């Protein structure tokens, strides 16, 4: 094998099981088989029946666990599910090896079409922000609102700290990196990731750190871990170079759903300066900036992000409709059910 080739990845149906994935209290995991891809879905039972559905999409190197804190805070507002993108978390690689932004977006769309849960309140972080922007642009029927935390949209002046991630897209670099870091412990790798992604790594609890180390150890035993990272990084770089109607900024302008944008002042991967550009690009947007947050505000400041999302629901008329439906059920018994069905049939 030449130094520029990525290592061979066996088909998904012969991949070894390397360890269990952490499931927080109140969460459930299930596997969903779709054409060309198998996805692991993390969910929480909603606090009440008939809450509107939500779907959370993580970033490069992340997993559905990145959304656990926010999901728990919003389980009284939405019926939440979080995906492990193909090749990440507990989801095996896609059958066609396509890790492009379009390939990941296609997997999200396939899941929403197959589950019949759309339209959903759609969340995305980093790479997940680029993916969900594309989903919202090409399939507006699937999206009620869009919440983007540090979305990976094209920048002319890339953050210096983001350069190593971009270099993973270069053929051979991932293989070279694995050789150079062979002696690194899982603890060292996790500390490096947290220093890069958190505005203040000190906010991570000892339990959170232990859980992250356990997950890193599990991932490093996956034969396709670096392949998924490298090809997804290449997918981001390629998406940045697309122009015309396929360009991510052009697609942002096509998004119809009310959009919440969350940017961190200490983000080392997505430039804080992009916040105003994003606010101008998304036609129905609300911008929240968190000066002390890094790249994963939904993990650092989940209460603040949850509050901002509820304000988005209020602005979009969704929260008032939910309260009216609850009041109707309490005050009018069975008659309220008929009114609720009528509201839903009209898109209420």
Protein backbone atom coordinates (compact mmCIF):
# COMPACT_ATOMS: atom_id res chain seq x y z
CA UNK A 1 0.00 0.00 0.00
CA UNK A 2 1.40 3.41 -0.92
CA UNK A 3 1.76 6.12 1.70
CA UNK A 4 -1.05 8.11 0.09
CA UNK A 5 -3.67 5.39 0.39
CA UNK A 6 -6.13 5.08 3.24
CA UNK A 7 -6.22 1.69 4.93
CA UNK A 8 -8.71 -0.88 3.70
CA UNK A 9 -11.99 -0.86 5.61
CA UNK A 10 -13.91 -4.15 5.69
CA UNK A 11 -17.60 -4.17 4.83
CA UNK A 12 -19.95 -3.14 7.62
CA UNK A 13 -21.38 -6.63 8.01
CA UNK A 14 -17.98 -8.05 9.04
CA UNK A 15 -16.82 -5.26 11.34
CA UNK A 16 -15.95 -6.35 14.89
CA UNK A 17 -17.87 -5.18 17.94
CA UNK A 18 -15.25 -3.36 19.98
CA UNK A 19 -17.17 -2.23 23.03
CA UNK A 20 -20.37 -0.80 24.37
CA UNK A 21 -21.47 2.78 23.80
CA UNK A 22 -22.45 4.81 26.85
CA UNK A 23 -26.17 5.40 27.28
CA UNK A 24 -27.10 8.08 29.81
CA UNK A 25 -29.95 7.63 32.23
CA UNK A 26 -33.26 8.00 30.42
CA UNK A 27 -31.75 7.42 26.97
CA UNK A 28 -32.26 4.57 24.54
CA UNK A 29 -30.23 3.36 21.55
CA UNK A 30 -31.56 1.56 18.52
CA UNK A 31 -30.20 0.61 15.11
CA UNK A 32 -32.06 1.60 11.95
CA UNK A 33 -31.27 -0.08 8.63
CA UNK A 34 -31.79 2.09 5.55
CA UNK A 35 -30.76 1.68 1.91
CA UNK A 36 -26.97 1.86 1.85
CA UNK A 37 -26.54 2.86 5.48
CA UNK A 38 -27.24 1.70 9.04
CA UNK A 39 -27.69 4.41 11.66
CA UNK A 40 -27.65 4.29 15.44
CA UNK A 41 -30.31 6.56 16.92
CA UNK A 42 -30.21 7.88 20.49
CA UNK A 43 -33.52 9.02 21.98
CA UNK A 44 -35.22 10.10 25.17
CA UNK A 45 -38.86 9.41 25.97
CA UNK A 46 -40.58 12.81 25.79
CA UNK A 47 -42.04 14.26 28.97
CA UNK A 48 -45.47 14.26 27.33
CA UNK A 49 -47.15 12.73 24.34
CA UNK A 50 -47.59 14.57 21.05
CA UNK A 51 -44.58 16.85 21.42
CA UNK A 52 -43.10 17.96 18.08
CA UNK A 53 -40.14 15.87 16.89
CA UNK A 54 -36.53 17.05 16.92
CA UNK A 55 -33.38 15.60 15.36
CA UNK A 56 -29.80 16.37 16.48
CA UNK A 57 -26.76 15.96 14.17
CA UNK A 58 -23.21 16.01 15.59
CA UNK A 59 -19.94 17.29 14.16
CA UNK A 60 -16.68 15.80 12.87
CA UNK A 61 -15.31 13.23 15.32
CA UNK A 62 -18.39 13.54 17.53
CA UNK A 63 -21.40 11.36 18.15
CA UNK A 64 -24.97 11.53 19.33
CA UNK A 65 -23.60 11.72 22.89
CA UNK A 66 -22.65 15.35 22.19
CA UNK A 67 -26.34 16.23 22.47
CA UNK A 68 -27.25 14.31 25.65
CA UNK A 69 -27.21 17.35 27.96
CA UNK A 70 -29.33 19.50 25.65
CA UNK A 71 -31.73 16.65 24.86
CA UNK A 72 -32.42 16.16 28.55
CA UNK A 73 -33.18 19.86 29.02
CA UNK A 74 -35.57 19.96 26.06
CA UNK A 75 -37.51 16.77 26.68
CA UNK A 76 -40.46 18.87 27.88
CA UNK A 77 -40.44 20.83 24.61
CA UNK A 78 -39.62 18.31 21.86
CA UNK A 79 -39.54 14.58 21.20
CA UNK A 80 -35.81 14.35 20.61
CA UNK A 81 -33.60 11.93 18.71
CA UNK A 82 -29.90 12.19 17.88
CA UNK A 83 -28.12 10.36 15.06
CA UNK A 84 -24.69 8.80 14.91
CA UNK A 85 -23.61 9.77 11.40
CA UNK A 86 -22.26 6.93 9.23
CA UNK A 87 -18.82 5.91 10.47
CA UNK A 88 -19.19 7.76 13.79
CA UNK A 89 -20.47 6.84 17.23
CA UNK A 90 -22.00 3.38 16.94
CA UNK A 91 -22.98 3.66 13.25
CA UNK A 92 -20.92 1.56 10.80
CA UNK A 93 -19.46 3.11 7.64
CA UNK A 94 -21.79 3.76 4.69
CA UNK A 95 -21.85 1.00 2.09
CA UNK A 96 -20.55 3.32 -0.64
CA UNK A 97 -17.83 4.97 1.49
CA UNK A 98 -19.31 8.40 0.76
CA UNK A 99 -18.45 10.77 3.63
CA UNK A 100 -19.15 13.99 1.75
CA UNK A 101 -21.46 16.63 3.20
CA UNK A 102 -24.00 15.59 0.57
CA UNK A 103 -23.55 11.92 1.51
CA UNK A 104 -24.17 12.65 5.18
CA UNK A 105 -27.14 14.89 4.31
CA UNK A 106 -28.57 12.08 2.21
CA UNK A 107 -28.36 9.75 5.23
CA UNK A 108 -30.25 12.29 7.39
CA UNK A 109 -32.92 12.70 4.72
CA UNK A 110 -33.29 8.95 4.29
CA UNK A 111 -33.82 8.58 8.00
CA UNK A 112 -36.42 11.35 8.17
CA UNK A 113 -38.27 10.00 5.14
CA UNK A 114 -38.23 6.44 6.49
CA UNK A 115 -39.27 7.40 10.03
CA UNK A 116 -42.04 9.75 8.93
CA UNK A 117 -41.10 12.13 11.75
CA UNK A 118 -40.69 15.20 9.59
CA UNK A 119 -40.97 18.08 9.70
CA UNK A 120 -38.61 18.23 12.68
CA UNK A 121 -36.81 20.83 14.73
CA UNK A 122 -33.36 20.21 13.26
CA UNK A 123 -30.12 20.83 15.20
CA UNK A 124 -26.56 20.72 13.86
CA UNK A 125 -23.10 21.38 15.28
CA UNK A 126 -19.94 22.02 13.21
CA UNK A 127 -19.98 19.49 10.34
CA UNK A 128 -23.53 18.71 11.45
CA UNK A 129 -24.32 22.39 10.90
CA UNK A 130 -23.20 22.17 7.26
CA UNK A 131 -25.16 18.94 6.82
CA UNK A 132 -28.37 20.30 8.31
CA UNK A 133 -28.06 23.54 6.33
CA UNK A 134 -28.02 21.44 3.15
CA UNK A 135 -30.96 19.34 4.37
CA UNK A 136 -33.01 22.45 5.18
CA UNK A 137 -32.21 23.98 1.78
CA UNK A 138 -33.04 20.99 -0.41
CA UNK A 139 -35.89 19.51 1.68
CA UNK A 140 -37.70 22.38 3.41
CA UNK A 141 -40.68 20.06 3.95
CA UNK A 142 -38.63 18.16 6.53
CA UNK A 143 -37.63 21.13 8.73
CA UNK A 144 -39.72 23.17 11.20
CA UNK A 145 -36.85 25.17 12.66
CA UNK A 146 -33.08 25.01 12.30
CA UNK A 147 -30.62 25.46 15.18
CA UNK A 148 -26.94 25.71 14.23
CA UNK A 149 -24.16 25.66 16.82
CA UNK A 150 -20.85 26.79 15.28
CA UNK A 151 -21.82 25.56 11.80
CA UNK A 152 -18.93 24.60 9.51
CA UNK A 153 -19.72 27.04 6.71
CA UNK A 154 -16.96 28.20 4.33
CA UNK A 155 -14.48 30.78 5.59
CA UNK A 156 -11.93 32.65 3.51
CA UNK A 157 -9.56 33.00 6.46
CA UNK A 158 -9.63 29.64 8.20
CA UNK A 159 -8.96 29.54 11.93
CA UNK A 160 -5.34 28.60 12.59
CA UNK A 161 -6.38 25.87 15.03
CA UNK A 162 -8.58 24.33 12.33
CA UNK A 163 -5.66 23.77 9.93
CA UNK A 164 -4.68 20.33 11.34
CA UNK A 165 -8.25 19.12 10.87
CA UNK A 166 -8.22 20.36 7.29
CA UNK A 167 -4.89 18.59 6.71
CA UNK A 168 -6.58 15.28 7.51
CA UNK A 169 -8.23 15.67 4.10
CA UNK A 170 -4.84 15.38 2.38
CA UNK A 171 -4.17 11.80 1.21
CA UNK A 172 -1.71 10.05 3.49
CA UNK A 173 -1.87 12.54 6.36
CA UNK A 174 -4.29 10.45 8.45
CA UNK A 175 -2.04 7.40 8.12
CA UNK A 176 1.02 9.48 9.00
CA UNK A 177 -0.75 10.99 12.01
CA UNK A 178 -1.71 7.56 13.34
CA UNK A 179 1.94 6.51 13.14
CA UNK A 180 3.24 9.67 14.82
CA UNK A 181 0.71 9.47 17.66
CA UNK A 182 0.81 5.73 18.21
CA UNK A 183 2.15 6.19 21.74
CA UNK A 184 -0.44 8.77 22.79
CA UNK A 185 -2.82 7.59 25.49
CA UNK A 186 -6.57 8.02 25.24
CA UNK A 187 -6.34 10.55 28.10
CA UNK A 188 -3.83 12.65 26.14
CA UNK A 189 -6.02 12.59 23.05
CA UNK A 190 -9.13 13.59 25.00
CA UNK A 191 -7.32 16.47 26.70
CA UNK A 192 -6.19 17.69 23.29
CA UNK A 193 -9.71 17.51 21.86
CA UNK A 194 -11.19 19.31 24.85
CA UNK A 195 -8.55 22.05 24.70
CA UNK A 196 -9.49 22.55 21.04
CA UNK A 197 -13.28 22.37 21.36
CA UNK A 198 -14.09 23.93 24.74
CA UNK A 199 -13.81 27.60 25.61
CA UNK A 200 -12.92 26.46 29.13
CA UNK A 201 -11.98 22.76 29.44
CA UNK A 202 -12.26 23.18 33.20
CA UNK A 203 -16.03 23.05 32.81
CA UNK A 204 -15.79 19.34 32.03
CA UNK A 205 -16.63 17.29 35.12
CA UNK A 206 -14.40 14.37 36.20
CA UNK A 207 -17.20 12.00 35.21
CA UNK A 208 -17.51 13.66 31.82
CA UNK A 209 -13.78 13.30 31.27
CA UNK A 210 -13.84 9.60 32.22
CA UNK A 211 -16.73 8.99 29.85
CA UNK A 212 -14.88 10.76 27.04
CA UNK A 213 -11.77 8.66 27.64
CA UNK A 214 -13.83 5.46 27.56
CA UNK A 215 -15.40 6.53 24.26
CA UNK A 216 -11.99 7.44 22.80
CA UNK A 217 -10.59 4.04 23.74
CA UNK A 218 -13.55 2.37 22.07
CA UNK A 219 -13.23 4.42 18.87
CA UNK A 220 -9.50 3.85 18.52
CA UNK A 221 -10.21 0.11 18.28
CA UNK A 222 -12.53 0.65 15.32
CA UNK A 223 -10.72 -0.27 12.08
CA UNK A 224 -12.45 2.54 10.19
CA UNK A 225 -12.02 5.37 12.74
CA UNK A 226 -9.31 7.34 10.92
CA UNK A 227 -10.80 6.57 7.53
CA UNK A 228 -14.14 8.12 8.56
CA UNK A 229 -12.35 11.14 10.03
CA UNK A 230 -10.16 11.71 6.98
CA UNK A 231 -12.90 11.25 4.40
CA UNK A 232 -15.34 13.45 6.32
CA UNK A 233 -12.67 16.16 6.66
CA UNK A 234 -12.12 15.88 2.91
CA UNK A 235 -15.88 16.21 2.47
CA UNK A 236 -15.88 19.52 4.36
CA UNK A 237 -12.96 20.87 2.32
CA UNK A 238 -14.66 19.84 -0.93
CA UNK A 239 -17.95 21.45 0.18
CA UNK A 240 -16.08 24.70 0.84
CA UNK A 241 -14.93 24.80 -2.79
CA UNK A 242 -18.36 24.27 -4.37
CA UNK A 243 -19.92 27.27 -6.04
CA UNK A 244 -23.29 28.01 -7.60
CA UNK A 245 -26.44 26.51 -6.17
CA UNK A 246 -24.44 23.79 -4.36
CA UNK A 247 -22.40 26.30 -2.38
CA UNK A 248 -23.20 26.19 1.33
CA UNK A 249 -23.66 29.96 1.64
CA UNK A 250 -26.02 29.94 -1.33
CA UNK A 251 -27.94 27.10 0.29
CA UNK A 252 -28.06 29.03 3.57
CA UNK A 253 -29.85 31.79 1.70
CA UNK A 254 -32.45 29.28 0.52
CA UNK A 255 -33.35 28.04 4.01
CA UNK A 256 -36.97 28.93 4.78
CA UNK A 257 -37.15 27.63 8.36
CA UNK A 258 -36.72 30.01 11.31
CA UNK A 259 -33.06 29.65 12.25
CA UNK A 260 -31.18 30.03 15.54
CA UNK A 261 -27.44 30.65 15.18
CA UNK A 262 -25.13 30.04 18.15
CA UNK A 263 -21.49 31.17 18.01
CA UNK A 264 -18.79 30.99 20.68
CA UNK A 265 -16.31 33.79 21.27
CA UNK A 266 -13.55 31.29 22.09
CA UNK A 267 -14.25 28.95 19.18
CA UNK A 268 -10.92 27.83 17.72
CA UNK A 269 -12.45 25.97 14.77
CA UNK A 270 -15.19 28.26 13.42
CA UNK A 271 -14.44 31.96 13.34
CA UNK A 272 -16.52 34.14 15.64
CA UNK A 273 -16.40 36.76 12.89
CA UNK A 274 -18.63 34.52 10.75
CA UNK A 275 -21.59 35.07 13.07
CA UNK A 276 -22.76 38.29 11.41
CA UNK A 277 -22.32 36.86 7.92
CA UNK A 278 -24.45 33.87 8.89
CA UNK A 279 -27.11 36.13 10.42
CA UNK A 280 -27.34 37.97 7.09
CA UNK A 281 -27.36 34.79 4.99
CA UNK A 282 -30.21 32.95 6.74
CA UNK A 283 -33.31 34.94 5.88
CA UNK A 284 -35.23 34.28 9.14
CA UNK A 285 -32.43 34.13 11.68
CA UNK A 286 -31.76 34.88 15.34
CA UNK A 287 -28.18 35.17 16.54
CA UNK A 288 -26.89 34.29 19.99
CA UNK A 289 -23.21 34.86 20.77
CA UNK A 290 -21.58 33.37 23.86
CA UNK A 291 -18.23 35.14 24.53
CA UNK A 292 -16.84 32.39 26.77
CA UNK A 293 -18.02 29.39 24.75
CA UNK A 294 -15.91 27.33 22.39
CA UNK A 295 -16.95 25.08 19.52
CA UNK A 296 -19.55 22.99 21.38
CA UNK A 297 -21.79 25.48 23.19
CA UNK A 298 -24.55 22.87 23.56
CA UNK A 299 -22.15 20.91 25.78
CA UNK A 300 -20.61 23.86 27.64
CA UNK A 301 -23.74 25.95 28.12
CA UNK A 302 -26.70 23.63 27.50
CA UNK A 303 -29.08 25.66 29.70
CA UNK A 304 -28.39 28.84 27.71
CA UNK A 305 -28.81 27.09 24.36
CA UNK A 306 -32.04 25.47 25.60
CA UNK A 307 -33.40 28.86 26.64
CA UNK A 308 -32.53 30.35 23.23
CA UNK A 309 -34.25 27.46 21.47
CA UNK A 310 -37.42 27.98 23.50
CA UNK A 311 -37.33 31.65 22.47
CA UNK A 312 -37.06 30.47 18.85
CA UNK A 313 -40.14 28.33 19.39
CA UNK A 314 -41.93 31.30 20.91
CA UNK A 315 -41.00 33.56 17.99
CA UNK A 316 -42.07 30.90 15.48
CA UNK A 317 -45.43 30.47 17.23
CA UNK A 318 -44.66 26.85 18.14
CA UNK A 319 -44.46 27.26 21.90
CA UNK A 320 -47.77 29.08 22.11
CA UNK A 321 -49.42 26.38 20.02
CA UNK A 322 -48.08 23.67 22.36
CA UNK A 323 -49.40 25.52 25.41
CA UNK A 324 -52.80 25.97 23.75
CA UNK A 325 -52.97 22.26 22.95
CA UNK A 326 -52.07 21.33 26.54
CA UNK A 327 -54.69 23.74 27.90
CA UNK A 328 -57.25 22.33 25.50
CA UNK A 329 -56.60 18.77 26.66
CA UNK A 330 -56.94 19.74 30.29
CA UNK A 331 -59.98 21.95 29.91
CA UNK A 332 -62.10 20.21 27.34
CA UNK A 333 -61.51 16.49 27.62
CA UNK A 334 -62.15 14.45 24.48
CA UNK A 335 -63.31 17.46 22.45
CA UNK A 336 -59.80 18.88 22.62
CA UNK A 337 -58.43 15.86 20.73
CA UNK A 338 -60.54 16.70 17.68
CA UNK A 339 -59.36 20.31 17.72
CA UNK A 340 -55.75 19.21 18.05
CA UNK A 341 -56.03 16.92 15.05
CA UNK A 342 -57.57 19.76 13.08
CA UNK A 343 -54.69 22.07 14.04
CA UNK A 344 -52.10 19.49 12.99
CA UNK A 345 -53.82 18.87 9.65
CA UNK A 346 -53.51 22.60 8.92
CA UNK A 347 -49.82 22.65 9.92
CA UNK A 348 -50.42 24.12 13.36
